Amino acid sequence: MTGEATGRYAGVRAAVVGTGLIGGSVLLRLADAGLDVAGWDPDPATRERARAGGLVAPDTIEEAVAGRDVVFLSGPLPTLPGTLARVAAATAPGCVLTDVGSTKVEVTEAADRLGLTDRFVPGHPMAGAESAGLTAASTTLLAGAAWVLCPAPGAATPAFRWLAGLLVELFGARVVPMSAPAHDSAAALASHVPHLLAGALAGAVQRAPLRDAVLALAAGSFRDGTRVAGTPAERTANMLLGNQTRVLHELAEVSAFLDELAAALRAGDAAALTARYAEAAAARSALLDPRYAGRDREFPTDGDHAAEVTWLRGLGEAGGHLTGCRVGATAVSYTAWRPLAD
């Protein structure tokens, strides 16, 4: 993705705290867009690597975030609440804060305890790779990604609107507005359980007596099915533990479906196997060929935002997304897309 920021985002000063794969990709894209952006990482070698690449990388968080309009928080999930508190203390009240963590309830609750819901917008770009670190980051990793943002009722709406517009303009994001609990439930099945399944399949092969023969024969289905098993183990463990209850619930649903397949196989029931795979193919087809209907929706710029937030969250929970957010003197207009019924 190329091109510089324009309009209301042209002069934005940004910072990224934690410059691994996702944070680093945010940093590189913001720099590519011509923004004044600084990155900070707890690893001195990573900071030095960023500087060698022409990026601004101060030695302290406080230096990196001072005077910024927006700060993206990255890093291990257990560290985010503490990082949020530290960054909030070092930034002005008008600085918009967001994160890129793969679970949302814990950090949202932390923001509420800290009194930051007026300017912290929990976020999660749905993109990644099995590699890690700033060396794996790229300007295009997040291009066009579905990017969850969790709008809170009331005063947080202006921060949500501003950040949604920035993500659409600079990343080409499809902004998916959801509540934090809804995100964690959906992400459990969309992202977290697949890590368990990939780990189980790859782990079983690692223990298999014919491991080397299996790997020699492995083709696309095995590579695709085990790709995320190569994700750094600590990162995967943090993600799974950070959403433990919901992941276990959805894993039980997957296990139930797998039991149906196994039962049909034991019984030699070709009709039942065919029916279950036809059911699965419907989801796969919807993934590969999504169809949406677009419409604009307006809300008053000022006043009670409850109806706006309810609509936003409902849009995301229905599988929809935003590709535009325009704030005027009296009204905010969203360009929204909802899935067409099968």
Protein backbone atom coordinates (compact mmCIF):
# COMPACT_ATOMS: atom_id res chain seq x y z
CA MET A 1 0.00 0.00 0.00
CA THR A 2 1.34 3.44 -0.93
CA GLY A 3 0.13 7.02 -0.73
CA GLU A 4 0.26 9.70 1.91
CA ALA A 5 -2.31 10.77 4.49
CA THR A 6 -4.62 13.55 3.36
CA GLY A 7 -7.25 15.82 4.85
CA ARG A 8 -7.78 15.65 8.58
CA TYR A 9 -5.08 12.98 9.03
CA ALA A 10 -2.26 14.69 7.11
CA GLY A 11 -0.67 16.30 10.15
CA VAL A 12 -1.32 13.52 12.66
CA ARG A 13 1.49 12.68 15.07
CA ALA A 14 1.42 8.99 16.00
CA ALA A 15 3.30 6.50 18.14
CA VAL A 16 3.44 2.72 18.29
CA VAL A 17 4.39 1.01 21.55
CA GLY A 18 5.62 -2.53 20.89
CA THR A 19 7.07 -3.05 17.41
CA GLY A 20 6.73 -6.75 16.77
CA LEU A 21 4.93 -8.19 13.76
CA ILE A 22 1.66 -6.26 14.12
CA GLY A 23 2.92 -3.16 15.91
CA GLY A 24 5.87 -3.00 13.54
CA SER A 25 3.55 -3.23 10.54
CA VAL A 26 1.44 -0.38 11.94
CA LEU A 27 4.62 1.66 12.42
CA LEU A 28 5.90 0.99 8.91
CA ARG A 29 2.57 1.84 7.29
CA LEU A 30 2.18 5.11 9.22
CA ALA A 31 5.71 6.11 8.26
CA ASP A 32 5.03 5.15 4.64
CA ALA A 33 1.96 7.40 4.70
CA GLY A 34 4.13 10.34 5.64
CA LEU A 35 3.02 10.69 9.25
CA ASP A 36 5.27 11.89 12.04
CA VAL A 37 5.47 8.56 13.88
CA ALA A 38 7.68 7.17 16.62
CA GLY A 39 8.04 3.56 17.71
CA TRP A 40 9.14 2.15 21.03
CA ASP A 41 9.99 -1.43 21.95
CA PRO A 42 11.28 -2.84 25.25
CA ASP A 43 14.09 -4.60 23.37
CA PRO A 44 17.06 -2.26 22.76
CA ALA A 45 18.16 -4.29 19.74
CA THR A 46 14.74 -3.83 18.15
CA ARG A 47 14.90 -0.08 18.76
CA GLU A 48 18.31 0.02 17.14
CA ARG A 49 17.04 -2.00 14.19
CA ALA A 50 14.19 0.50 13.75
CA ARG A 51 16.63 3.42 13.79
CA ALA A 52 18.83 1.67 11.23
CA GLY A 53 15.76 1.51 9.00
CA GLY A 54 15.25 5.25 9.22
CA LEU A 55 12.50 5.16 11.86
CA VAL A 56 12.24 7.29 15.00
CA ALA A 57 12.70 4.99 18.01
CA PRO A 58 13.29 6.78 21.34
CA ASP A 59 14.69 4.95 24.34
CA THR A 60 11.63 5.44 26.58
CA ILE A 61 7.89 5.10 26.19
CA GLU A 62 7.43 8.60 27.52
CA GLU A 63 9.65 10.09 24.81
CA ALA A 64 7.88 8.09 22.11
CA VAL A 65 4.32 9.10 23.06
CA ALA A 66 4.83 12.72 24.16
CA GLY A 67 2.78 15.17 22.11
CA ARG A 68 1.13 12.47 19.99
CA ASP A 69 -2.43 12.50 18.62
CA VAL A 70 -2.80 8.71 18.58
CA VAL A 71 -0.92 5.82 20.17
CA PHE A 72 -1.18 2.17 19.10
CA LEU A 73 -0.38 -0.32 21.87
CA SER A 74 1.09 -3.68 20.97
CA GLY A 75 3.07 -6.29 22.89
CA PRO A 76 2.15 -9.42 24.88
CA LEU A 77 -1.49 -9.47 25.99
CA PRO A 78 -0.75 -9.66 29.74
CA THR A 79 1.27 -6.45 29.52
CA LEU A 80 -1.36 -4.30 27.79
CA PRO A 81 -3.29 -3.05 30.87
CA GLY A 82 -0.05 -1.86 32.48
CA THR A 83 1.18 -0.31 29.24
CA LEU A 84 -2.15 1.45 28.79
CA ALA A 85 -1.87 3.05 32.23
CA ARG A 86 1.70 4.18 31.56
CA VAL A 87 0.90 5.64 28.14
CA ALA A 88 -2.22 7.39 29.40
CA ALA A 89 -0.19 9.11 32.10
CA ALA A 90 2.32 10.34 29.51
CA THR A 91 -0.14 11.68 26.93
CA ALA A 92 -2.59 14.56 26.75
CA PRO A 93 -6.32 13.98 27.39
CA GLY A 94 -7.06 14.48 23.69
CA CYS A 95 -4.69 11.73 22.53
CA VAL A 96 -6.62 8.74 21.14
CA LEU A 97 -5.36 5.40 22.45
CA THR A 98 -5.97 2.01 20.89
CA ASP A 99 -4.42 -1.46 20.93
CA VAL A 100 -3.98 -4.36 18.51
CA GLY A 101 -4.38 -7.26 20.94
CA SER A 102 -6.20 -10.44 19.95
CA THR A 103 -8.54 -10.40 22.97
CA LYS A 104 -10.54 -7.40 24.06
CA VAL A 105 -12.43 -7.94 27.32
CA GLU A 106 -9.47 -7.72 29.70
CA VAL A 107 -7.98 -4.53 28.26
CA THR A 108 -11.45 -2.95 27.95
CA GLU A 109 -12.09 -3.59 31.63
CA ALA A 110 -8.69 -2.11 32.46
CA ALA A 111 -9.54 1.05 30.51
CA ASP A 112 -12.81 1.34 32.40
CA ARG A 113 -11.03 1.05 35.76
CA LEU A 114 -8.53 3.70 34.66
CA GLY A 115 -11.28 6.08 33.52
CA LEU A 116 -10.05 6.04 29.91
CA THR A 117 -13.17 5.02 27.99
CA ASP A 118 -13.46 8.53 26.55
CA ARG A 119 -10.25 8.08 24.54
CA PHE A 120 -9.28 4.41 24.50
CA VAL A 121 -10.79 2.42 21.63
CA PRO A 122 -9.98 -1.31 21.87
CA GLY A 123 -8.88 -2.69 18.50
CA HIS A 124 -7.81 -5.88 16.75
CA PRO A 125 -6.65 -6.06 13.12
CA MET A 126 -7.49 -9.53 11.81
CA ALA A 127 -4.21 -10.23 10.06
CA GLY A 128 -0.90 -11.78 10.92
CA ALA A 129 1.68 -14.40 10.08
CA GLU A 130 3.45 -17.26 11.77
CA SER A 131 6.64 -15.20 11.85
CA ALA A 132 7.38 -12.59 14.51
CA GLY A 133 9.31 -9.41 15.19
CA LEU A 134 10.01 -6.16 13.40
CA THR A 135 11.99 -7.99 10.71
CA ALA A 136 8.77 -9.81 9.73
CA ALA A 137 6.67 -6.62 9.66
CA SER A 138 5.67 -4.94 6.42
CA THR A 139 3.82 -1.90 5.15
CA THR A 140 1.20 -4.12 3.49
CA LEU A 141 0.49 -6.78 6.14
CA LEU A 142 -2.60 -4.95 7.40
CA ALA A 143 -3.79 -3.56 4.05
CA GLY A 144 -7.51 -4.15 3.62
CA ALA A 145 -7.78 -6.10 6.86
CA ALA A 146 -10.95 -6.51 8.87
CA TRP A 147 -10.08 -4.31 11.86
CA VAL A 148 -12.27 -4.67 14.92
CA LEU A 149 -12.92 -1.54 16.98
CA CYS A 150 -15.00 -1.64 20.16
CA PRO A 151 -17.01 1.57 20.61
CA ALA A 152 -18.05 2.37 24.15
CA PRO A 153 -21.27 4.31 24.81
CA GLY A 154 -21.18 8.04 25.38
CA ALA A 155 -18.02 10.09 25.28
CA ALA A 156 -15.93 7.44 23.49
CA THR A 157 -17.87 7.89 20.26
CA PRO A 158 -15.79 10.85 18.94
CA ALA A 159 -12.59 8.86 19.48
CA PHE A 160 -14.13 5.87 17.69
CA ARG A 161 -15.22 8.01 14.74
CA TRP A 162 -11.79 9.62 14.40
CA LEU A 163 -9.91 6.34 14.62
CA ALA A 164 -12.28 4.52 12.25
CA GLY A 165 -11.69 7.20 9.63
CA LEU A 166 -7.92 6.97 10.05
CA LEU A 167 -7.90 3.18 9.65
CA VAL A 168 -10.05 3.36 6.53
CA GLU A 169 -7.91 6.07 4.92
CA LEU A 170 -4.44 4.83 5.81
CA PHE A 171 -4.89 1.04 5.90
CA GLY A 172 -7.90 0.55 3.64
CA ALA A 173 -9.39 -1.24 6.65
CA ARG A 174 -12.82 -2.78 6.83
CA VAL A 175 -13.71 -1.51 10.30
CA VAL A 176 -15.80 -4.02 12.23
CA PRO A 177 -17.50 -2.39 15.24
CA MET A 178 -18.31 -4.83 18.06
CA SER A 179 -18.59 -4.99 21.80
CA ALA A 180 -15.56 -6.50 23.53
CA PRO A 181 -17.42 -9.67 24.66
CA ALA A 182 -18.83 -10.20 21.16
CA HIS A 183 -15.37 -9.84 19.67
CA ASP A 184 -13.86 -12.38 22.03
CA SER A 185 -16.63 -14.88 21.30
CA ALA A 186 -16.32 -14.49 17.52
CA ALA A 187 -12.50 -14.47 17.60
CA ALA A 188 -12.49 -17.69 19.60
CA LEU A 189 -13.92 -19.58 16.64
CA ALA A 190 -12.44 -17.45 13.85
CA SER A 191 -8.86 -17.36 15.16
CA HIS A 192 -8.13 -18.95 18.52
CA VAL A 193 -9.59 -22.44 18.06
CA PRO A 194 -7.82 -22.74 14.67
CA HIS A 195 -4.55 -22.32 16.57
CA LEU A 196 -5.54 -25.24 18.80
CA LEU A 197 -6.48 -27.40 15.81
CA ALA A 198 -3.28 -26.53 13.93
CA GLY A 199 -1.23 -27.32 17.01
CA ALA A 200 -3.03 -30.62 17.52
CA LEU A 201 -2.51 -31.77 13.94
CA ALA A 202 1.14 -30.70 13.77
CA GLY A 203 1.79 -32.10 17.24
CA ALA A 204 0.28 -35.46 16.34
CA VAL A 205 2.51 -35.66 13.29
CA GLN A 206 5.55 -34.77 15.37
CA ARG A 207 4.80 -37.79 17.60
CA ALA A 208 3.90 -40.14 14.74
CA PRO A 209 6.19 -43.16 14.06
CA LEU A 210 6.18 -42.24 10.36
CA ARG A 211 6.71 -38.52 10.95
CA ASP A 212 9.25 -38.02 8.17
CA ALA A 213 7.15 -39.97 5.68
CA VAL A 214 4.08 -37.91 6.60
CA LEU A 215 5.97 -34.66 6.10
CA ALA A 216 7.34 -35.88 2.79
CA LEU A 217 3.80 -36.52 1.56
CA ALA A 218 2.24 -33.38 3.07
CA ALA A 219 0.65 -31.10 0.50
CA GLY A 220 -1.56 -28.02 0.57
CA SER A 221 -4.18 -29.27 3.00
CA PHE A 222 -1.56 -30.04 5.66
CA ARG A 223 0.37 -26.82 5.07
CA ASP A 224 -2.79 -24.70 5.25
CA GLY A 225 -4.13 -26.58 8.24
CA THR A 226 -0.93 -26.26 10.27
CA ARG A 227 0.35 -22.83 9.22
CA VAL A 228 -0.38 -21.07 12.52
CA ALA A 229 1.30 -23.88 14.47
CA GLY A 230 4.49 -22.04 13.56
CA THR A 231 3.40 -18.95 15.53
CA PRO A 232 5.68 -18.23 18.50
CA ALA A 233 4.43 -20.52 21.27
CA GLU A 234 4.35 -17.86 24.00
CA ARG A 235 2.21 -15.58 21.84
CA THR A 236 -0.26 -18.39 21.15
CA ALA A 237 -0.43 -19.35 24.84
CA ASN A 238 -1.14 -15.74 25.86
CA MET A 239 -3.91 -15.51 23.30
CA LEU A 240 -5.57 -18.76 24.37
CA LEU A 241 -5.32 -18.04 28.09
CA GLY A 242 -6.57 -14.49 27.57
CA ASN A 243 -9.81 -15.88 26.11
CA GLN A 244 -9.88 -19.19 27.96
CA THR A 245 -13.59 -19.57 28.71
CA ARG A 246 -14.78 -18.65 25.23
CA VAL A 247 -12.12 -20.75 23.49
CA LEU A 248 -13.06 -23.83 25.51
CA HIS A 249 -16.74 -23.28 24.73
CA GLU A 250 -16.13 -23.03 20.98
CA LEU A 251 -13.69 -25.94 21.07
CA ALA A 252 -16.51 -28.05 22.50
CA GLU A 253 -18.69 -27.04 19.55
CA VAL A 254 -15.96 -28.05 17.10
CA SER A 255 -15.45 -31.32 18.98
CA ALA A 256 -19.17 -32.06 18.72
CA PHE A 257 -19.07 -31.63 14.95
CA LEU A 258 -15.95 -33.76 14.73
CA ASP A 259 -17.74 -36.45 16.77
CA GLU A 260 -20.55 -36.43 14.19
CA LEU A 261 -18.02 -36.97 11.41
CA ALA A 262 -16.31 -39.76 13.35
CA ALA A 263 -19.62 -41.46 14.12
CA ALA A 264 -20.60 -41.41 10.45
CA LEU A 265 -17.21 -42.79 9.49
CA ARG A 266 -17.44 -45.63 12.03
CA ALA A 267 -20.90 -46.49 10.76
CA GLY A 268 -19.80 -46.40 7.13
CA ASP A 269 -22.58 -43.84 6.58
CA ALA A 270 -21.64 -42.09 3.32
CA ALA A 271 -24.85 -40.03 3.30
CA ALA A 272 -24.15 -38.58 6.75
CA LEU A 273 -20.53 -37.80 5.87
CA THR A 274 -21.64 -36.10 2.66
CA ALA A 275 -24.23 -34.04 4.52
CA ARG A 276 -21.76 -32.85 7.15
CA TYR A 277 -19.20 -31.87 4.51
CA ALA A 278 -21.87 -30.04 2.50
CA GLU A 279 -22.67 -28.09 5.66
CA ALA A 280 -18.99 -27.25 6.15
CA ALA A 281 -18.59 -26.30 2.49
CA ALA A 282 -21.32 -23.68 2.86
CA ALA A 283 -19.22 -21.79 5.40
CA ARG A 284 -16.11 -22.12 3.26
CA SER A 285 -17.99 -20.81 0.22
CA ALA A 286 -19.30 -17.82 2.17
CA LEU A 287 -15.74 -17.05 3.27
CA LEU A 288 -14.29 -17.18 -0.24
CA ASP A 289 -17.17 -15.39 -2.00
CA PRO A 290 -18.68 -12.88 0.43
CA ARG A 291 -21.58 -10.75 -0.83
CA TYR A 292 -22.56 -7.47 0.78
CA ALA A 293 -25.11 -4.72 0.36
CA GLY A 294 -23.99 -1.17 1.14
CA ARG A 295 -25.84 1.80 2.61
CA ASP A 296 -25.08 5.05 4.39
CA ARG A 297 -26.35 5.79 7.87
CA GLU A 298 -26.34 9.15 9.67
CA PHE A 299 -26.44 10.09 13.35
CA PRO A 300 -26.31 13.46 15.13
CA THR A 301 -22.77 14.56 15.85
CA ASP A 302 -23.68 15.64 19.37
CA GLY A 303 -26.17 14.40 21.92
CA ASP A 304 -27.05 10.91 23.13
CA HIS A 305 -24.88 8.40 21.28
CA ALA A 306 -26.64 5.28 22.57
CA ALA A 307 -28.51 4.62 19.32
CA GLU A 308 -25.32 5.11 17.28
CA VAL A 309 -23.30 2.68 19.41
CA THR A 310 -26.12 0.11 19.40
CA TRP A 311 -26.28 0.28 15.60
CA LEU A 312 -22.49 0.07 15.25
CA ARG A 313 -22.20 -2.99 17.48
CA GLY A 314 -25.15 -4.66 15.75
CA LEU A 315 -23.53 -4.10 12.36
CA GLY A 316 -20.35 -5.91 13.37
CA GLU A 317 -22.14 -8.73 15.13
CA ALA A 318 -24.18 -9.30 11.95
CA GLY A 319 -20.96 -9.73 9.95
CA GLY A 320 -20.90 -6.19 8.59
CA HIS A 321 -18.21 -3.54 8.40
CA LEU A 322 -17.55 0.14 7.71
CA THR A 323 -15.60 1.61 4.81
CA GLY A 324 -16.28 5.24 5.55
CA CYS A 325 -16.84 7.63 8.44
CA ARG A 326 -17.41 11.32 7.71
CA VAL A 327 -17.96 13.75 10.58
CA GLY A 328 -19.75 17.01 9.82
CA ALA A 329 -20.88 19.92 11.93
CA THR A 330 -24.24 18.37 12.74
CA ALA A 331 -24.09 14.75 11.57
CA VAL A 332 -21.76 11.78 11.24
CA SER A 333 -22.25 9.56 8.20
CA TYR A 334 -21.10 5.95 7.98
CA THR A 335 -20.74 3.84 4.85
CA ALA A 336 -21.79 0.38 6.02
CA TRP A 337 -21.86 -3.07 4.41
CA ARG A 338 -23.98 -5.97 5.58
CA PRO A 339 -23.81 -9.57 4.32
CA LEU A 340 -26.52 -10.63 1.91
CA ALA A 341 -28.60 -13.60 3.03
CA ASP A 342 -27.63 -16.96 1.51
